[in-house]
Each structure stands twice: as structure tokens, then as C-alpha cells.
């Protein structure tokens, strides 16, 4: 079966599949994910009057094969706005078909339209395949740890 994925912005109708992709992404990263309530929260944050983030999806025959979410942020040290790519995930059956590269390319285009000069993101250090991919497309990395503090 040949997979021809189309890159497009997510829509409200995608929420059940998007939540499932988030769940698969969490499993892939050895993390927990609670599906309950996520569809309504994501719908509000993606499609409300003041969207907090943007979501691109890879669609093939009305099924989502992957997604990327991003938002505009500010870098104090660089004194400029940038795109923060929060998530990038492709289902295993569609990996290696350049959908990740196409998603990043589209985010670059959207970032340029928004006046941003760079994209930033992170990936777990055990995700060697993703690290190899990011380096192949020209990305560089900084060594940092990400911490979480509940409020």
C-alpha cells in the first residue's frame, strides 16, 4: 500500500484522532497521557477566539498519520520571536516517508509568515532516530535539561 499523506491544518473533526495520536506519542516517549477532557481543551486552544497553538496533521484516506503542534514565543537572549515546536509525531507505519520533514518545512513557512527567525524544540535523548533526522535537516542542539514544577 502506497501512503500519500497530505499536510494540512487540523480541524475540529480531527480531535478524536488527534487525542489518540497524542496518546501514541506519549507511549513512544515512555510517558503517561490522560485522554479524558483533552479533546475539549485542545479544541478550545486550537480553534477558540484566541488560539494558543497551531496544529498541522498528516492525513491519508481520512486517517491521521502524524501531527506537529507549534506556537509563537519570545527568546530574551536573542530578543526576537520564534516558533516553539511542541510536538512532532508520525505513526510507525508512516515513518521514513519524509512526513516529518514536510511538517517541519511547513512550520518554517508559517514561522516566516509570522516574522520569526527560528524554530526551537526538544526531544528525549533516547530518541536517536529523531536526533539523526533533526541533524539531517540541518538542526543543531544545545545540551540542557527540562524541568517541571507543578503549580
N, C-alpha and C. Protein backbone atom coordinates (compact mmCIF):
# COMPACT_ATOMS: atom_id res chain seq x y z
N UNK A 1 0.83 -1.18 0.00
CA UNK A 1 0.00 0.00 0.00
C UNK A 1 0.88 1.25 0.00
N UNK A 2 0.67 2.11 -0.94
CA UNK A 2 1.41 3.36 -1.03
C UNK A 2 0.69 4.42 -0.20
N UNK A 3 1.43 5.10 0.64
CA UNK A 3 0.85 6.12 1.50
C UNK A 3 1.12 7.49 0.89
N UNK A 4 0.06 8.21 0.62
CA UNK A 4 0.17 9.58 0.11
C UNK A 4 -0.45 10.50 1.14
N UNK A 5 0.36 11.01 2.01
CA UNK A 5 -0.13 11.88 3.06
C UNK A 5 -0.22 13.32 2.61
N UNK A 6 -1.24 13.98 3.06
CA UNK A 6 -1.45 15.40 2.77
C UNK A 6 -1.22 16.18 4.07
N UNK A 7 -0.45 17.25 4.01
CA UNK A 7 -0.21 18.11 5.16
C UNK A 7 -1.26 19.21 5.14
N UNK A 8 -1.95 19.38 6.27
CA UNK A 8 -2.96 20.43 6.38
C UNK A 8 -3.10 20.82 7.85
N UNK A 9 -3.75 21.95 8.09
CA UNK A 9 -4.05 22.33 9.46
C UNK A 9 -5.15 21.43 10.01
N UNK A 10 -5.07 21.13 11.28
CA UNK A 10 -6.09 20.31 11.94
C UNK A 10 -7.42 21.05 11.95
N UNK A 11 -8.50 20.27 12.05
CA UNK A 11 -9.84 20.83 12.16
C UNK A 11 -10.52 20.23 13.38
N UNK A 12 -11.65 20.77 13.75
CA UNK A 12 -12.40 20.26 14.91
C UNK A 12 -12.73 18.78 14.75
N UNK A 13 -13.00 18.36 13.54
CA UNK A 13 -13.35 16.97 13.29
C UNK A 13 -12.19 16.01 13.57
N UNK A 14 -10.98 16.53 13.66
CA UNK A 14 -9.80 15.71 13.89
C UNK A 14 -9.56 15.39 15.37
N UNK A 15 -10.31 16.00 16.26
CA UNK A 15 -9.99 15.89 17.68
C UNK A 15 -9.88 14.45 18.19
N UNK A 16 -10.82 13.55 17.89
CA UNK A 16 -10.65 12.17 18.41
C UNK A 16 -9.35 11.52 17.93
N UNK A 17 -9.02 11.69 16.65
CA UNK A 17 -7.78 11.11 16.13
C UNK A 17 -6.55 11.82 16.68
N UNK A 18 -6.65 13.13 16.88
CA UNK A 18 -5.51 13.88 17.41
C UNK A 18 -5.21 13.45 18.84
N UNK A 19 -6.24 13.27 19.64
CA UNK A 19 -6.04 12.81 21.02
C UNK A 19 -5.39 11.43 21.02
N UNK A 20 -5.81 10.58 20.10
CA UNK A 20 -5.19 9.24 20.01
C UNK A 20 -3.74 9.35 19.58
N UNK A 21 -3.42 10.25 18.65
CA UNK A 21 -2.02 10.47 18.26
C UNK A 21 -1.20 10.96 19.45
N UNK A 22 -1.77 11.84 20.25
CA UNK A 22 -1.06 12.33 21.46
C UNK A 22 -0.78 11.16 22.40
N UNK A 23 -1.75 10.27 22.53
CA UNK A 23 -1.57 9.09 23.38
C UNK A 23 -0.44 8.20 22.85
N UNK A 24 -0.44 7.94 21.54
CA UNK A 24 0.62 7.14 20.94
C UNK A 24 1.99 7.81 21.09
N UNK A 25 2.00 9.13 20.98
CA UNK A 25 3.23 9.90 21.15
C UNK A 25 3.77 9.72 22.58
N UNK A 26 2.88 9.83 23.56
CA UNK A 26 3.28 9.65 24.96
C UNK A 26 3.82 8.24 25.20
N UNK A 27 3.16 7.24 24.65
CA UNK A 27 3.64 5.86 24.79
C UNK A 27 5.04 5.74 24.19
N UNK A 28 5.23 6.33 23.00
CA UNK A 28 6.53 6.29 22.33
C UNK A 28 7.61 6.92 23.20
N UNK A 29 7.27 7.98 23.92
CA UNK A 29 8.26 8.68 24.76
C UNK A 29 8.27 8.17 26.20
N UNK A 30 7.67 7.00 26.42
CA UNK A 30 7.64 6.37 27.75
C UNK A 30 7.03 7.28 28.80
N UNK A 31 5.97 7.99 28.42
CA UNK A 31 5.30 8.91 29.32
C UNK A 31 3.83 8.51 29.49
N UNK A 32 3.19 9.15 30.44
CA UNK A 32 1.77 8.92 30.66
C UNK A 32 0.96 9.98 29.94
N UNK A 33 -0.27 9.63 29.58
CA UNK A 33 -1.17 10.56 28.93
C UNK A 33 -2.59 10.23 29.36
N UNK A 34 -3.30 11.22 29.83
CA UNK A 34 -4.70 11.05 30.21
C UNK A 34 -5.57 11.63 29.12
N UNK A 35 -6.33 10.79 28.42
CA UNK A 35 -7.16 11.24 27.30
C UNK A 35 -8.37 12.06 27.75
N UNK A 36 -8.86 11.78 28.95
CA UNK A 36 -10.09 12.40 29.41
C UNK A 36 -10.00 13.93 29.41
N UNK A 37 -10.95 14.57 28.73
CA UNK A 37 -11.03 16.03 28.70
C UNK A 37 -10.11 16.70 27.70
N UNK A 38 -9.20 15.96 27.10
CA UNK A 38 -8.21 16.58 26.20
C UNK A 38 -8.85 17.12 24.92
N UNK A 39 -9.83 16.42 24.38
CA UNK A 39 -10.44 16.85 23.13
C UNK A 39 -11.04 18.25 23.27
N UNK A 40 -11.79 18.49 24.32
CA UNK A 40 -12.41 19.81 24.53
C UNK A 40 -11.35 20.89 24.77
N UNK A 41 -10.33 20.57 25.56
CA UNK A 41 -9.28 21.55 25.84
C UNK A 41 -8.50 21.89 24.57
N UNK A 42 -8.12 20.87 23.81
CA UNK A 42 -7.38 21.12 22.58
C UNK A 42 -8.22 21.90 21.58
N UNK A 43 -9.50 21.55 21.48
CA UNK A 43 -10.37 22.28 20.55
C UNK A 43 -10.42 23.76 20.91
N UNK A 44 -10.56 24.07 22.19
CA UNK A 44 -10.59 25.47 22.64
C UNK A 44 -9.26 26.17 22.34
N UNK A 45 -8.16 25.49 22.64
CA UNK A 45 -6.84 26.12 22.48
C UNK A 45 -6.40 26.22 21.02
N UNK A 46 -6.93 25.36 20.17
CA UNK A 46 -6.61 25.41 18.74
C UNK A 46 -7.56 26.30 17.94
N UNK A 47 -8.84 26.27 18.31
CA UNK A 47 -9.84 26.91 17.46
C UNK A 47 -10.67 27.98 18.17
N UNK A 48 -10.32 28.32 19.41
CA UNK A 48 -11.05 29.35 20.15
C UNK A 48 -10.78 30.74 19.59
N UNK A 49 -11.34 31.74 20.25
CA UNK A 49 -11.18 33.12 19.77
C UNK A 49 -9.74 33.60 19.84
N UNK A 50 -8.94 33.05 20.76
CA UNK A 50 -7.51 33.39 20.87
C UNK A 50 -6.71 32.09 20.88
N UNK A 51 -6.43 31.50 19.71
CA UNK A 51 -5.70 30.22 19.69
C UNK A 51 -4.35 30.32 20.40
N UNK A 52 -4.04 29.30 21.19
CA UNK A 52 -2.76 29.26 21.91
C UNK A 52 -1.70 28.49 21.14
N UNK A 53 -2.15 27.62 20.23
CA UNK A 53 -1.20 26.87 19.44
C UNK A 53 -1.84 26.50 18.11
N UNK A 54 -0.99 25.99 17.22
CA UNK A 54 -1.41 25.60 15.88
C UNK A 54 -1.03 24.14 15.70
N UNK A 55 -1.82 23.45 14.90
CA UNK A 55 -1.59 22.02 14.70
C UNK A 55 -1.68 21.68 13.22
N UNK A 56 -0.62 21.08 12.71
CA UNK A 56 -0.60 20.53 11.37
C UNK A 56 -0.72 19.02 11.49
N UNK A 57 -1.42 18.41 10.54
CA UNK A 57 -1.58 16.96 10.56
C UNK A 57 -1.18 16.39 9.20
N UNK A 58 -0.84 15.10 9.23
CA UNK A 58 -0.62 14.33 8.01
C UNK A 58 -1.83 13.44 7.87
N UNK A 59 -2.55 13.59 6.76
CA UNK A 59 -3.77 12.82 6.54
C UNK A 59 -3.62 11.93 5.31
N UNK A 60 -4.09 10.69 5.43
CA UNK A 60 -4.14 9.76 4.30
C UNK A 60 -5.47 9.02 4.40
N UNK A 61 -6.29 9.16 3.39
CA UNK A 61 -7.59 8.49 3.34
C UNK A 61 -8.40 8.71 4.62
N UNK A 62 -8.49 9.97 5.03
CA UNK A 62 -9.26 10.41 6.20
C UNK A 62 -8.73 9.89 7.54
N UNK A 63 -7.53 9.34 7.53
CA UNK A 63 -6.90 8.90 8.77
C UNK A 63 -5.66 9.75 9.01
N UNK A 64 -5.47 10.15 10.26
CA UNK A 64 -4.29 10.94 10.61
C UNK A 64 -3.11 10.02 10.88
N UNK A 65 -2.00 10.31 10.23
CA UNK A 65 -0.78 9.53 10.38
C UNK A 65 0.25 10.21 11.26
N UNK A 66 0.05 11.49 11.51
CA UNK A 66 1.01 12.23 12.32
C UNK A 66 0.54 13.64 12.55
N UNK A 67 1.27 14.34 13.41
CA UNK A 67 0.92 15.73 13.72
C UNK A 67 2.13 16.48 14.22
N UNK A 68 2.02 17.78 14.15
CA UNK A 68 3.01 18.69 14.74
C UNK A 68 2.25 19.87 15.31
N UNK A 69 2.60 20.28 16.51
CA UNK A 69 2.00 21.47 17.11
C UNK A 69 3.09 22.49 17.37
N UNK A 70 2.71 23.76 17.26
CA UNK A 70 3.69 24.82 17.47
C UNK A 70 2.99 26.09 17.94
N UNK A 71 3.78 26.99 18.48
CA UNK A 71 3.28 28.27 18.95
C UNK A 71 4.39 29.31 18.83
N UNK A 72 3.99 30.56 18.83
CA UNK A 72 4.95 31.65 18.78
C UNK A 72 5.36 32.00 20.21
N UNK A 73 6.67 32.18 20.43
CA UNK A 73 7.19 32.56 21.74
C UNK A 73 8.28 33.61 21.56
N UNK A 74 8.81 34.07 22.69
CA UNK A 74 9.83 35.11 22.67
C UNK A 74 11.11 34.60 23.32
N UNK A 75 12.25 34.86 22.68
CA UNK A 75 13.56 34.49 23.21
C UNK A 75 14.24 35.75 23.75
N UNK A 76 14.40 35.83 25.04
CA UNK A 76 15.00 37.01 25.67
C UNK A 76 16.44 37.20 25.19
N UNK A 77 17.24 36.14 25.21
CA UNK A 77 18.64 36.26 24.82
C UNK A 77 18.80 36.71 23.38
N UNK A 78 17.93 36.25 22.52
CA UNK A 78 18.01 36.63 21.10
C UNK A 78 17.18 37.88 20.79
N UNK A 79 16.36 38.31 21.74
CA UNK A 79 15.49 39.47 21.58
C UNK A 79 14.65 39.37 20.30
N UNK A 80 14.02 38.21 20.15
CA UNK A 80 13.17 38.02 18.97
C UNK A 80 12.13 36.94 19.24
N UNK A 81 11.09 36.98 18.41
CA UNK A 81 10.08 35.93 18.48
C UNK A 81 10.56 34.72 17.69
N UNK A 82 10.14 33.55 18.14
CA UNK A 82 10.50 32.32 17.46
C UNK A 82 9.31 31.36 17.52
N UNK A 83 9.40 30.30 16.77
CA UNK A 83 8.39 29.25 16.80
C UNK A 83 8.90 28.15 17.72
N UNK A 84 8.07 27.75 18.67
CA UNK A 84 8.38 26.60 19.51
C UNK A 84 7.54 25.43 19.00
N UNK A 85 8.20 24.39 18.52
CA UNK A 85 7.51 23.18 18.08
C UNK A 85 7.37 22.28 19.30
N UNK A 86 6.15 22.17 19.78
CA UNK A 86 5.89 21.40 20.99
C UNK A 86 5.90 19.91 20.72
N UNK A 87 5.26 19.49 19.66
CA UNK A 87 5.17 18.06 19.35
C UNK A 87 5.39 17.81 17.87
N UNK A 88 6.03 16.69 17.58
CA UNK A 88 6.15 16.17 16.22
C UNK A 88 6.11 14.67 16.36
N UNK A 89 5.11 14.04 15.77
CA UNK A 89 4.97 12.59 15.90
C UNK A 89 4.37 12.02 14.62
N UNK A 90 4.94 10.93 14.16
CA UNK A 90 4.46 10.21 12.99
C UNK A 90 4.24 8.75 13.42
N UNK A 91 3.09 8.19 13.06
CA UNK A 91 2.84 6.77 13.35
C UNK A 91 3.91 5.91 12.70
N UNK A 92 4.20 4.80 13.33
CA UNK A 92 5.28 3.93 12.88
C UNK A 92 5.14 3.53 11.41
N UNK A 93 3.93 3.23 10.94
CA UNK A 93 3.74 2.78 9.57
C UNK A 93 4.08 3.85 8.54
N UNK A 94 4.16 5.12 8.97
CA UNK A 94 4.44 6.22 8.05
C UNK A 94 5.81 6.84 8.26
N UNK A 95 6.60 6.29 9.16
CA UNK A 95 7.94 6.84 9.40
C UNK A 95 8.87 6.51 8.24
N UNK A 96 9.80 7.40 7.99
CA UNK A 96 10.75 7.20 6.91
C UNK A 96 10.22 7.63 5.55
N UNK A 97 9.02 8.21 5.51
CA UNK A 97 8.40 8.63 4.24
C UNK A 97 8.46 10.14 4.06
N UNK A 98 9.27 10.81 4.87
CA UNK A 98 9.52 12.26 4.80
C UNK A 98 8.37 13.13 5.29
N UNK A 99 7.40 12.54 5.99
CA UNK A 99 6.30 13.36 6.52
C UNK A 99 6.80 14.29 7.63
N UNK A 100 7.73 13.83 8.45
CA UNK A 100 8.31 14.70 9.48
C UNK A 100 9.00 15.89 8.85
N UNK A 101 9.76 15.64 7.81
CA UNK A 101 10.45 16.71 7.11
C UNK A 101 9.46 17.70 6.49
N UNK A 102 8.39 17.19 5.92
CA UNK A 102 7.36 18.05 5.32
C UNK A 102 6.66 18.90 6.39
N UNK A 103 6.42 18.31 7.56
CA UNK A 103 5.81 19.08 8.65
C UNK A 103 6.73 20.21 9.11
N UNK A 104 8.02 19.91 9.29
CA UNK A 104 8.97 20.93 9.72
C UNK A 104 9.09 22.02 8.65
N UNK A 105 9.12 21.63 7.40
CA UNK A 105 9.20 22.62 6.31
C UNK A 105 7.99 23.54 6.34
N UNK A 106 6.81 22.99 6.58
CA UNK A 106 5.60 23.80 6.63
C UNK A 106 5.63 24.74 7.84
N UNK A 107 6.12 24.25 8.97
CA UNK A 107 6.26 25.11 10.16
C UNK A 107 7.24 26.24 9.87
N UNK A 108 8.32 25.96 9.17
CA UNK A 108 9.26 27.02 8.77
C UNK A 108 8.54 28.08 7.94
N UNK A 109 7.71 27.65 7.00
CA UNK A 109 6.97 28.59 6.16
C UNK A 109 6.02 29.44 7.00
N UNK A 110 5.30 28.79 7.91
CA UNK A 110 4.36 29.52 8.77
C UNK A 110 5.11 30.46 9.70
N UNK A 111 6.27 30.04 10.20
CA UNK A 111 7.09 30.88 11.06
C UNK A 111 7.60 32.11 10.32
N UNK A 112 8.01 31.93 9.08
CA UNK A 112 8.47 33.06 8.27
C UNK A 112 7.34 34.07 8.07
N UNK A 113 6.13 33.58 7.80
CA UNK A 113 4.96 34.46 7.65
C UNK A 113 4.70 35.25 8.93
N UNK A 114 5.00 34.63 10.08
CA UNK A 114 4.76 35.27 11.38
C UNK A 114 5.92 36.16 11.81
N UNK A 115 6.95 36.28 10.97
CA UNK A 115 8.08 37.15 11.28
C UNK A 115 9.11 36.52 12.20
N UNK A 116 9.11 35.20 12.32
CA UNK A 116 10.05 34.51 13.20
C UNK A 116 11.29 34.08 12.42
N UNK A 117 12.41 33.99 13.15
CA UNK A 117 13.68 33.65 12.52
C UNK A 117 14.15 32.25 12.83
N UNK A 118 13.53 31.57 13.79
CA UNK A 118 14.00 30.24 14.14
C UNK A 118 12.86 29.40 14.72
N UNK A 119 13.10 28.10 14.73
CA UNK A 119 12.23 27.14 15.39
C UNK A 119 13.06 26.49 16.48
N UNK A 120 12.46 26.28 17.64
CA UNK A 120 13.12 25.55 18.72
C UNK A 120 12.22 24.39 19.13
N UNK A 121 12.84 23.30 19.62
CA UNK A 121 12.09 22.16 20.12
C UNK A 121 13.02 21.30 20.95
N UNK A 122 12.49 20.23 21.48
CA UNK A 122 13.30 19.28 22.23
C UNK A 122 12.82 17.87 21.93
N UNK A 123 13.67 16.93 22.19
CA UNK A 123 13.31 15.51 22.04
C UNK A 123 14.07 14.74 23.11
N UNK A 124 13.50 13.62 23.55
CA UNK A 124 14.22 12.82 24.55
C UNK A 124 15.57 12.33 24.00
N UNK A 125 16.57 12.26 24.87
CA UNK A 125 17.90 11.86 24.40
C UNK A 125 17.95 10.42 23.91
N UNK A 126 16.96 9.60 24.27
CA UNK A 126 16.95 8.22 23.79
C UNK A 126 16.33 8.09 22.40
N UNK A 127 15.76 9.15 21.88
CA UNK A 127 15.12 9.12 20.57
C UNK A 127 16.18 9.37 19.48
N UNK A 128 17.07 8.42 19.34
CA UNK A 128 18.21 8.59 18.44
C UNK A 128 17.79 8.74 16.98
N UNK A 129 16.72 8.08 16.59
CA UNK A 129 16.25 8.21 15.20
C UNK A 129 15.82 9.65 14.92
N UNK A 130 15.09 10.27 15.86
CA UNK A 130 14.67 11.66 15.69
C UNK A 130 15.89 12.59 15.69
N UNK A 131 16.85 12.34 16.57
CA UNK A 131 18.04 13.19 16.62
C UNK A 131 18.78 13.12 15.29
N UNK A 132 18.90 11.93 14.74
CA UNK A 132 19.56 11.77 13.44
C UNK A 132 18.78 12.54 12.36
N UNK A 133 17.46 12.44 12.38
CA UNK A 133 16.61 13.16 11.43
C UNK A 133 16.80 14.66 11.57
N UNK A 134 16.75 15.18 12.80
CA UNK A 134 16.89 16.62 13.01
C UNK A 134 18.25 17.12 12.52
N UNK A 135 19.29 16.36 12.76
CA UNK A 135 20.61 16.76 12.27
C UNK A 135 20.67 16.72 10.74
N UNK A 136 19.99 15.74 10.14
CA UNK A 136 19.97 15.62 8.68
C UNK A 136 19.31 16.83 8.04
N UNK A 137 18.29 17.40 8.69
CA UNK A 137 17.62 18.56 8.09
C UNK A 137 18.30 19.88 8.46
N UNK A 138 19.43 19.80 9.16
CA UNK A 138 20.23 20.99 9.44
C UNK A 138 20.06 21.60 10.82
N UNK A 139 19.36 20.93 11.71
CA UNK A 139 19.17 21.46 13.06
C UNK A 139 20.41 21.21 13.92
N UNK A 140 20.63 22.08 14.88
CA UNK A 140 21.69 21.90 15.87
C UNK A 140 21.05 21.80 17.24
N UNK A 141 21.80 21.35 18.22
CA UNK A 141 21.22 21.17 19.56
C UNK A 141 22.06 21.87 20.62
N UNK A 142 21.42 22.12 21.75
CA UNK A 142 22.08 22.62 22.94
C UNK A 142 21.83 21.61 24.04
N UNK A 143 22.80 21.40 24.88
CA UNK A 143 22.64 20.45 25.97
C UNK A 143 21.98 21.15 27.15
N UNK A 144 20.75 20.74 27.45
CA UNK A 144 20.01 21.29 28.58
C UNK A 144 19.11 20.20 29.14
N UNK A 145 18.68 20.38 30.34
CA UNK A 145 17.68 19.51 30.96
C UNK A 145 16.40 20.31 31.08
N UNK A 146 15.27 19.68 30.87
CA UNK A 146 14.00 20.36 31.05
C UNK A 146 13.40 19.90 32.37
N UNK A 147 12.99 20.87 33.18
CA UNK A 147 12.41 20.58 34.49
C UNK A 147 10.94 20.95 34.48
N UNK A 148 10.18 20.32 35.37
CA UNK A 148 8.75 20.55 35.51
C UNK A 148 8.43 20.82 36.97
N UNK A 149 7.64 21.85 37.21
CA UNK A 149 7.23 22.21 38.57
C UNK A 149 5.73 22.46 38.56
N UNK A 150 5.00 21.66 39.28
CA UNK A 150 3.54 21.82 39.34
C UNK A 150 3.18 23.08 40.10
N UNK A 151 2.14 23.74 39.63
CA UNK A 151 1.63 24.94 40.30
C UNK A 151 0.36 24.59 41.06
